[in-house]
Amino acid sequence: MKVYLDNCSTTKPREEVIDAMVHVLRDEYGNPSSLHRMGFNVEKNIEKIRNNIANYFKVNKDEIYFTSGGTESNNIAIQSIINKYNRIGNHIIATKIEHPSVLNVLKDYEEKGYEVTYLEIDNEGLISLEQLEKNIRKNTILLCIMQVNNEIGSIQPIWEIKNILREKGSKALIHVDGVQAFGKVHIDLADWEIDTFSFSGHKIYGPKGIGGLYVNKSLNLNPIIFGGNQERGFRSGTENVPGIVGLGKAVEIMENNFKKEQNHVNEIKSYFINRLKKEIDYIHFNSPMEDKASPYILNVSFEYVRGEVLLHYLEDKGIFVSTSSACSSKGTERSHVLSALGISHRQIEGAIRFCFSHENTKEDMDYTIKILKKSIEEIRQITMR
């Protein structure tokens, strides 16, 4: 039996996505920048997909740019904003639990003389809006606040932030890493007055190597990548047409099935949590419960067990999980997210992240619990002697 529970790292592409991409690779392979009919037809299809994604977000299609994924989108947004507004100030606010594609960009700017304030989180992985308000300065130009954390699933109150900035009289911009939020939780870019928002295809059952960036049309940002002026000059480079088509198909299906699949995952996750509580001792839930976290993410510490060892025990039985983010050093470094939570070293060491999908079933959860119990018992017989 195979149970895939590493959907935060990447998801299995839907069959419809694969079919759409194969069709493009085989039959519609023209360059959208070419002047002939093949190129024109491809360009027309790209714009149709851009419009569909914009409609999903309820924004203008000219505010959507295609990129290679979340990392590039975060880099483009952050660097473009800093480069444009550095005459106004050099202070940035972020959370301690941002994705490495945000934290490492900010680290580079710190080395260039910028000041970065990193907000603490509470024991549920949430920032304090009071701490945020206190740290906004006259020279603050950017806030980087991810909507859903990729390791514990905590949902930050993005909808509150613009009001705080308005009350403080601040013109700072808001960049949201939305990679784990896209297609999983409610998003309202316009109502929340988000300035830039990153998203990725391979987290929503689409292909790897494709993503997007929403940029509010009022910003008029300058590019950091130069070339043939594709994507209206903001992100040059020949378009990844099969990727864009795959992303478009994934968004189309996601939009039609959003609530049904979210309800299913909520049910699966609740069932799994209840069985964990009843049947396995010495566990600690690192993810907040209920509506404070994404229904798709659950981080659990199994004490007296090394997470990496447990991962391989499960893998041998066809269950695939992760110990932390797969986007940084294969997840072998100590998690900066769990460290920020303030949990013990023993709990960090025994942490496993379960990430669910619409394909998971209660039978999958039953099998996972069965193998978990047996594996943990075997490991603890050695570690608790």
Protein backbone atom coordinates (compact mmCIF):
# COMPACT_ATOMS: atom_id res chain seq x y z
CA MET A 1 0.00 0.00 0.00
CA LYS A 2 1.21 3.54 -0.80
CA VAL A 3 0.13 6.57 1.22
CA TYR A 4 1.52 9.94 0.09
CA LEU A 5 1.39 12.54 2.88
CA ASP A 6 4.06 14.96 1.66
CA ASN A 7 1.76 17.22 -0.34
CA CYS A 8 3.29 20.42 1.10
CA SER A 9 6.53 19.51 -0.65
CA THR A 10 4.82 18.76 -3.92
CA THR A 11 1.55 17.28 -5.13
CA LYS A 12 0.77 14.58 -7.67
CA PRO A 13 -0.32 16.28 -10.91
CA ARG A 14 -3.89 15.56 -11.90
CA GLU A 15 -4.39 13.39 -14.98
CA GLU A 16 -6.16 16.26 -16.75
CA VAL A 17 -3.09 18.45 -16.13
CA ILE A 18 -0.75 15.84 -17.58
CA ASP A 19 -2.99 15.36 -20.64
CA ALA A 20 -3.17 19.11 -21.29
CA MET A 21 0.61 19.46 -21.04
CA VAL A 22 1.30 16.48 -23.32
CA HIS A 23 -1.04 17.94 -25.95
CA VAL A 24 0.88 21.24 -25.89
CA LEU A 25 4.27 19.52 -26.01
CA ARG A 26 3.20 17.40 -28.95
CA ASP A 27 0.98 19.71 -31.00
CA GLU A 28 1.15 23.36 -29.82
CA TYR A 29 4.87 23.87 -29.41
CA GLY A 30 5.17 27.26 -31.10
CA ASN A 31 6.98 30.14 -29.40
CA PRO A 32 4.38 32.71 -28.25
CA SER A 33 6.74 35.49 -29.35
CA SER A 34 6.75 34.28 -32.97
CA LEU A 35 4.73 36.20 -35.54
CA HIS A 36 3.27 33.19 -37.34
CA ARG A 37 -0.06 31.52 -36.61
CA MET A 38 1.38 28.82 -34.33
CA GLY A 39 2.98 31.47 -32.13
CA PHE A 40 -0.15 33.62 -32.14
CA ASN A 41 -2.37 30.69 -31.08
CA VAL A 42 -0.06 29.83 -28.19
CA GLU A 43 0.05 33.47 -27.07
CA LYS A 44 -3.75 33.62 -27.22
CA ASN A 45 -4.01 30.52 -25.02
CA ILE A 46 -1.58 31.96 -22.48
CA GLU A 47 -3.65 35.13 -22.20
CA LYS A 48 -6.81 33.11 -21.75
CA ILE A 49 -5.19 31.22 -18.85
CA ARG A 50 -3.88 34.48 -17.37
CA ASN A 51 -7.41 35.86 -17.47
CA ASN A 52 -8.85 32.74 -15.81
CA ILE A 53 -6.32 32.93 -12.97
CA ALA A 54 -7.03 36.64 -12.55
CA ASN A 55 -10.74 35.86 -12.34
CA TYR A 56 -10.02 33.28 -9.63
CA PHE A 57 -8.25 35.99 -7.61
CA LYS A 58 -10.83 38.63 -8.65
CA VAL A 59 -8.08 40.93 -9.98
CA ASN A 60 -7.11 42.41 -13.35
CA LYS A 61 -5.36 40.03 -15.77
CA ASP A 62 -2.53 42.54 -16.24
CA GLU A 63 -1.69 42.08 -12.55
CA ILE A 64 -0.77 38.39 -13.03
CA TYR A 65 2.76 37.43 -14.13
CA PHE A 66 4.01 33.91 -14.80
CA THR A 67 7.26 32.84 -13.14
CA SER A 68 9.14 29.60 -12.51
CA GLY A 69 7.55 29.17 -9.07
CA GLY A 70 7.24 30.49 -5.54
CA THR A 71 10.95 31.13 -4.95
CA GLU A 72 11.30 33.30 -8.03
CA SER A 73 8.04 35.09 -7.31
CA ASN A 74 9.16 35.94 -3.78
CA ASN A 75 12.52 37.16 -5.04
CA ILE A 76 11.04 39.32 -7.78
CA ALA A 77 8.46 40.91 -5.48
CA ILE A 78 10.79 41.65 -2.57
CA GLN A 79 13.73 42.87 -4.62
CA SER A 80 11.62 44.98 -6.97
CA ILE A 81 9.84 46.69 -4.07
CA ILE A 82 13.07 47.37 -2.15
CA ASN A 83 14.84 48.66 -5.26
CA LYS A 84 12.01 51.09 -6.00
CA TYR A 85 11.37 52.38 -2.48
CA ASN A 86 14.87 52.41 -0.95
CA ARG A 87 14.95 56.22 -1.18
CA ILE A 88 12.01 56.35 1.21
CA GLY A 89 13.45 53.98 3.81
CA ASN A 90 15.53 50.92 4.57
CA HIS A 91 13.42 49.11 7.19
CA ILE A 92 11.62 45.83 6.51
CA ILE A 93 9.38 43.73 8.74
CA ALA A 94 9.03 39.95 8.38
CA THR A 95 8.09 37.01 10.55
CA LYS A 96 10.63 34.57 11.98
CA ILE A 97 8.89 31.72 10.18
CA GLU A 98 9.02 32.90 6.59
CA HIS A 99 10.10 30.50 3.86
CA PRO A 100 13.86 30.43 3.08
CA SER A 101 13.15 32.10 -0.28
CA VAL A 102 12.09 35.14 1.74
CA LEU A 103 14.49 34.92 4.69
CA ASN A 104 17.59 34.47 2.55
CA VAL A 105 16.70 37.45 0.35
CA LEU A 106 16.26 39.59 3.46
CA LYS A 107 19.54 38.30 4.90
CA ASP A 108 21.28 39.48 1.73
CA TYR A 109 19.74 42.95 2.09
CA GLU A 110 20.75 43.09 5.76
CA GLU A 111 24.34 42.58 4.62
CA LYS A 112 23.82 45.57 2.33
CA GLY A 113 22.81 47.77 5.26
CA TYR A 114 19.04 47.32 5.45
CA GLU A 115 17.32 46.83 8.79
CA VAL A 116 14.98 43.88 9.20
CA THR A 117 12.68 43.32 12.20
CA TYR A 118 11.63 39.69 12.63
CA LEU A 119 8.30 39.25 14.42
CA GLU A 120 7.95 36.58 17.10
CA ILE A 121 5.19 33.97 17.02
CA ASP A 122 3.11 32.55 19.87
CA ASN A 123 2.66 28.87 20.70
CA GLU A 124 0.16 28.55 17.87
CA GLY A 125 2.52 29.96 15.28
CA LEU A 126 0.72 33.30 15.00
CA ILE A 127 2.22 36.78 15.04
CA SER A 128 1.10 39.49 17.44
CA LEU A 129 -0.60 42.36 15.64
CA GLU A 130 0.35 44.58 18.57
CA GLN A 131 4.03 43.73 18.07
CA LEU A 132 3.64 44.40 14.36
CA GLU A 133 2.10 47.81 15.03
CA LYS A 134 4.85 48.77 17.50
CA ASN A 135 7.57 47.95 14.98
CA ILE A 136 6.23 50.00 12.08
CA ARG A 137 8.49 53.02 11.58
CA LYS A 138 8.52 56.03 9.30
CA ASN A 139 11.24 54.34 7.22
CA THR A 140 9.42 50.98 6.95
CA ILE A 141 8.95 50.18 3.26
CA LEU A 142 7.91 46.52 3.21
CA LEU A 143 6.13 43.85 5.26
CA CYS A 144 6.74 40.19 4.33
CA ILE A 145 4.03 38.05 5.98
CA MET A 146 3.30 34.56 4.66
CA GLN A 147 -0.38 33.61 4.76
CA VAL A 148 0.01 29.89 5.55
CA ASN A 149 3.20 28.54 7.08
CA ASN A 150 4.64 25.64 5.13
CA GLU A 151 5.72 23.61 8.19
CA ILE A 152 2.93 24.01 10.75
CA GLY A 153 0.09 25.46 8.67
CA SER A 154 -0.66 28.48 10.87
CA ILE A 155 -2.76 31.13 9.08
CA GLN A 156 -1.63 34.71 9.67
CA PRO A 157 -4.33 37.45 9.92
CA ILE A 158 -3.37 39.10 6.62
CA TRP A 159 -6.78 40.79 6.44
CA GLU A 160 -5.93 42.94 9.51
CA ILE A 161 -2.61 44.33 8.31
CA LYS A 162 -3.65 47.10 5.91
CA ASN A 163 -5.84 48.68 8.60
CA ILE A 164 -2.85 48.77 10.94
CA LEU A 165 -0.71 50.44 8.29
CA ARG A 166 -3.47 52.94 7.58
CA GLU A 167 -3.86 53.82 11.27
CA LYS A 168 -0.10 54.32 11.57
CA GLY A 169 -0.05 56.50 8.46
CA SER A 170 2.45 54.10 6.88
CA LYS A 171 2.88 53.63 3.14
CA ALA A 172 4.72 50.34 3.57
CA LEU A 173 3.79 47.65 1.07
CA ILE A 174 2.65 44.11 1.89
CA HIS A 175 4.16 41.07 0.20
CA VAL A 176 2.46 37.77 0.95
CA ASP A 177 4.03 34.39 0.28
CA GLY A 178 0.83 32.63 -0.69
CA VAL A 179 2.30 29.36 -1.92
CA GLN A 180 0.69 27.16 0.78
CA ALA A 181 -2.48 29.25 0.85
CA PHE A 182 -3.27 29.13 -2.88
CA GLY A 183 -6.10 26.68 -3.47
CA LYS A 184 -6.19 25.62 0.18
CA VAL A 185 -7.69 28.52 2.19
CA HIS A 186 -9.72 31.68 1.53
CA ILE A 187 -7.83 34.48 -0.25
CA ASP A 188 -9.07 38.00 -1.04
CA LEU A 189 -6.27 40.05 -2.59
CA ALA A 190 -8.36 43.14 -3.32
CA ASP A 191 -10.30 43.35 -0.03
CA TRP A 192 -7.16 42.75 2.04
CA GLU A 193 -5.26 45.31 -0.11
CA ILE A 194 -2.27 43.02 -0.66
CA ASP A 195 0.40 44.54 -2.89
CA THR A 196 2.17 41.41 -4.13
CA PHE A 197 1.28 37.72 -3.74
CA SER A 198 3.25 34.65 -4.85
CA PHE A 199 1.82 31.27 -5.85
CA SER A 200 3.06 28.01 -7.34
CA GLY A 201 1.72 25.26 -9.60
CA HIS A 202 3.12 22.14 -8.00
CA LYS A 203 1.31 22.72 -4.69
CA ILE A 204 -2.12 22.53 -6.34
CA TYR A 205 -1.74 19.30 -8.37
CA GLY A 206 -0.10 21.13 -11.26
CA PRO A 207 3.44 20.89 -12.69
CA LYS A 208 6.73 21.93 -11.13
CA GLY A 209 8.69 24.85 -12.59
CA ILE A 210 5.71 27.17 -13.00
CA GLY A 211 4.13 29.72 -10.69
CA GLY A 212 2.92 33.24 -10.63
CA LEU A 213 3.07 36.62 -9.00
CA TYR A 214 0.25 39.08 -8.44
CA VAL A 215 1.42 42.69 -8.51
CA ASN A 216 -1.05 45.48 -7.80
CA LYS A 217 -1.23 47.57 -10.97
CA SER A 218 -0.68 50.80 -9.03
CA LEU A 219 2.89 49.83 -8.07
CA ASN A 220 4.61 50.08 -11.47
CA LEU A 221 7.61 48.05 -10.27
CA ASN A 222 10.82 47.64 -12.27
CA PRO A 223 12.09 44.19 -13.26
CA ILE A 224 15.10 42.40 -11.80
CA ILE A 225 15.30 39.97 -14.76
CA PHE A 226 16.06 41.41 -18.17
CA GLY A 227 15.83 39.87 -21.62
CA GLY A 228 13.31 39.76 -24.43
CA ASN A 229 10.56 41.68 -22.59
CA GLN A 230 8.17 38.76 -22.15
CA GLU A 231 5.51 39.18 -19.43
CA ARG A 232 5.18 42.84 -20.38
CA GLY A 233 8.87 43.36 -19.62
CA PHE A 234 8.57 42.43 -15.95
CA ARG A 235 9.81 38.85 -16.21
CA SER A 236 11.75 38.18 -19.40
CA GLY A 237 12.43 34.71 -20.78
CA THR A 238 10.62 32.42 -23.21
CA GLU A 239 7.39 31.36 -21.57
CA ASN A 240 7.10 27.87 -20.11
CA VAL A 241 4.03 27.11 -22.23
CA PRO A 242 3.44 23.49 -21.08
CA GLY A 243 3.81 24.67 -17.48
CA ILE A 244 1.39 27.57 -17.94
CA VAL A 245 -1.16 25.27 -19.57
CA GLY A 246 -0.74 22.75 -16.73
CA LEU A 247 -1.12 25.49 -14.13
CA GLY A 248 -4.20 26.80 -15.92
CA LYS A 249 -5.83 23.38 -15.95
CA ALA A 250 -4.98 22.85 -12.26
CA VAL A 251 -6.54 26.19 -11.32
CA GLU A 252 -9.65 25.43 -13.38
CA ILE A 253 -10.20 22.12 -11.58
CA MET A 254 -9.28 23.58 -8.19
CA GLU A 255 -11.81 26.39 -8.58
CA ASN A 256 -14.60 23.93 -9.35
CA ASN A 257 -13.71 21.59 -6.49
CA PHE A 258 -12.32 23.94 -3.83
CA LYS A 259 -14.99 23.57 -1.14
CA LYS A 260 -15.65 19.87 -1.72
CA GLU A 261 -11.96 18.97 -1.49
CA GLN A 262 -11.36 21.26 1.49
CA ASN A 263 -14.25 19.63 3.38
CA HIS A 264 -12.92 16.18 2.55
CA VAL A 265 -9.42 17.05 3.79
CA ASN A 266 -10.85 18.60 6.97
CA GLU A 267 -12.67 15.34 7.67
CA ILE A 268 -9.57 13.22 6.99
CA LYS A 269 -7.36 15.43 9.14
CA SER A 270 -9.82 15.44 12.09
CA TYR A 271 -10.12 11.66 11.89
CA PHE A 272 -6.32 11.31 11.88
CA ILE A 273 -5.87 13.69 14.83
CA ASN A 274 -8.47 11.88 16.95
CA ARG A 275 -6.83 8.53 16.34
CA LEU A 276 -3.39 9.95 17.13
CA LYS A 277 -4.66 11.35 20.45
CA LYS A 278 -6.26 8.06 21.46
CA GLU A 279 -3.62 5.61 20.34
CA ILE A 280 -0.13 7.11 20.60
CA ASP A 281 1.44 8.45 23.80
CA TYR A 282 4.01 11.22 24.24
CA ILE A 283 2.96 13.32 21.27
CA HIS A 284 2.75 17.08 20.85
CA PHE A 285 0.79 18.91 18.13
CA ASN A 286 2.89 21.75 16.74
CA SER A 287 0.18 22.93 14.35
CA PRO A 288 -2.64 25.06 15.75
CA MET A 289 -6.02 23.40 15.74
CA GLU A 290 -9.21 24.01 13.75
CA ASP A 291 -9.51 27.23 11.73
CA LYS A 292 -6.17 28.68 12.89
CA ALA A 293 -4.35 26.30 10.55
CA SER A 294 -4.63 25.07 6.99
CA PRO A 295 -6.67 21.87 6.84
CA TYR A 296 -3.95 20.44 4.62
CA ILE A 297 -1.06 20.60 7.14
CA LEU A 298 -0.43 18.83 10.45
CA ASN A 299 2.91 18.90 12.30
CA VAL A 300 3.31 16.44 15.17
CA SER A 301 6.21 15.69 17.51
CA PHE A 302 6.69 12.10 18.66
CA GLU A 303 8.88 12.24 21.74
CA TYR A 304 11.73 9.76 22.26
CA VAL A 305 11.84 9.29 18.48
CA ARG A 306 14.08 10.91 15.87
CA GLY A 307 11.95 12.25 13.06
CA GLU A 308 14.41 11.18 10.36
CA VAL A 309 14.46 7.62 11.68
CA LEU A 310 10.66 7.46 11.86
CA LEU A 311 10.42 8.87 8.33
CA HIS A 312 12.46 5.96 6.99
CA TYR A 313 10.50 3.39 9.00
CA LEU A 314 7.32 4.75 7.39
CA GLU A 315 8.90 4.92 3.95
CA ASP A 316 9.76 1.22 4.13
CA LYS A 317 6.03 0.55 4.51
CA GLY A 318 4.98 2.86 1.65
CA ILE A 319 4.09 5.95 3.71
CA PHE A 320 5.74 9.19 2.61
CA VAL A 321 6.03 12.16 5.00
CA SER A 322 8.65 14.83 5.79
CA THR A 323 10.46 16.13 8.83
CA SER A 324 10.36 19.82 7.82
CA SER A 325 10.37 21.95 4.69
CA ALA A 326 11.74 20.06 1.69
CA CYS A 327 12.83 23.38 0.19
CA SER A 328 15.93 23.75 2.36
CA SER A 329 18.84 21.30 2.65
CA LYS A 330 16.54 18.29 2.16
CA GLY A 331 14.91 19.08 5.50
CA THR A 332 17.97 17.97 7.51
CA GLU A 333 18.63 21.27 9.29
CA ARG A 334 16.94 22.10 12.57
CA SER A 335 13.63 23.75 11.72
CA HIS A 336 13.68 27.52 12.23
CA VAL A 337 9.87 27.39 12.42
CA LEU A 338 9.73 24.88 15.26
CA SER A 339 12.55 26.72 17.04
CA ALA A 340 10.51 29.93 16.83
CA LEU A 341 7.57 28.07 18.44
CA GLY A 342 9.71 27.61 21.55
CA ILE A 343 9.19 23.86 21.86
CA SER A 344 11.86 21.61 23.37
CA HIS A 345 14.78 20.18 21.45
CA ARG A 346 13.36 16.70 21.98
CA GLN A 347 10.08 17.75 20.39
CA ILE A 348 11.84 19.40 17.45
CA GLU A 349 13.91 16.26 16.95
CA GLY A 350 10.79 14.08 16.80
CA ALA A 351 8.70 16.27 14.49
CA ILE A 352 6.92 14.87 11.45
CA ARG A 353 4.85 16.89 8.96
CA PHE A 354 1.78 15.23 7.46
CA CYS A 355 0.31 17.04 4.44
CA PHE A 356 -3.01 15.80 3.10
CA SER A 357 -4.69 15.86 -0.30
CA HIS A 358 -8.10 15.20 -1.82
CA GLU A 359 -6.90 11.70 -2.75
CA ASN A 360 -6.27 10.57 0.84
CA THR A 361 -8.88 8.32 2.43
CA LYS A 362 -9.77 7.11 5.93
CA GLU A 363 -8.30 3.76 4.92
CA ASP A 364 -5.01 5.60 4.28
CA MET A 365 -5.22 7.11 7.75
CA ASP A 366 -5.96 3.74 9.36
CA TYR A 367 -2.96 2.18 7.65
CA THR A 368 -0.74 5.13 8.62
CA ILE A 369 -1.79 4.92 12.28
CA LYS A 370 -1.16 1.17 12.30
CA ILE A 371 2.37 1.55 10.89
CA LEU A 372 3.07 4.62 13.04
CA LYS A 373 2.20 2.75 16.24
CA LYS A 374 4.35 -0.24 15.36
CA SER A 375 7.30 1.90 14.20
CA ILE A 376 7.23 4.17 17.25
CA GLU A 377 7.05 1.21 19.60
CA GLU A 378 10.11 -0.35 17.95
CA ILE A 379 12.10 2.88 18.02
CA ARG A 380 11.17 3.67 21.65
CA GLN A 381 12.21 0.20 22.78
CA ILE A 382 15.70 1.31 21.85
CA THR A 383 15.64 5.00 22.83
CA MET A 384 13.77 4.67 26.15
CA ARG A 385 15.90 1.91 27.68
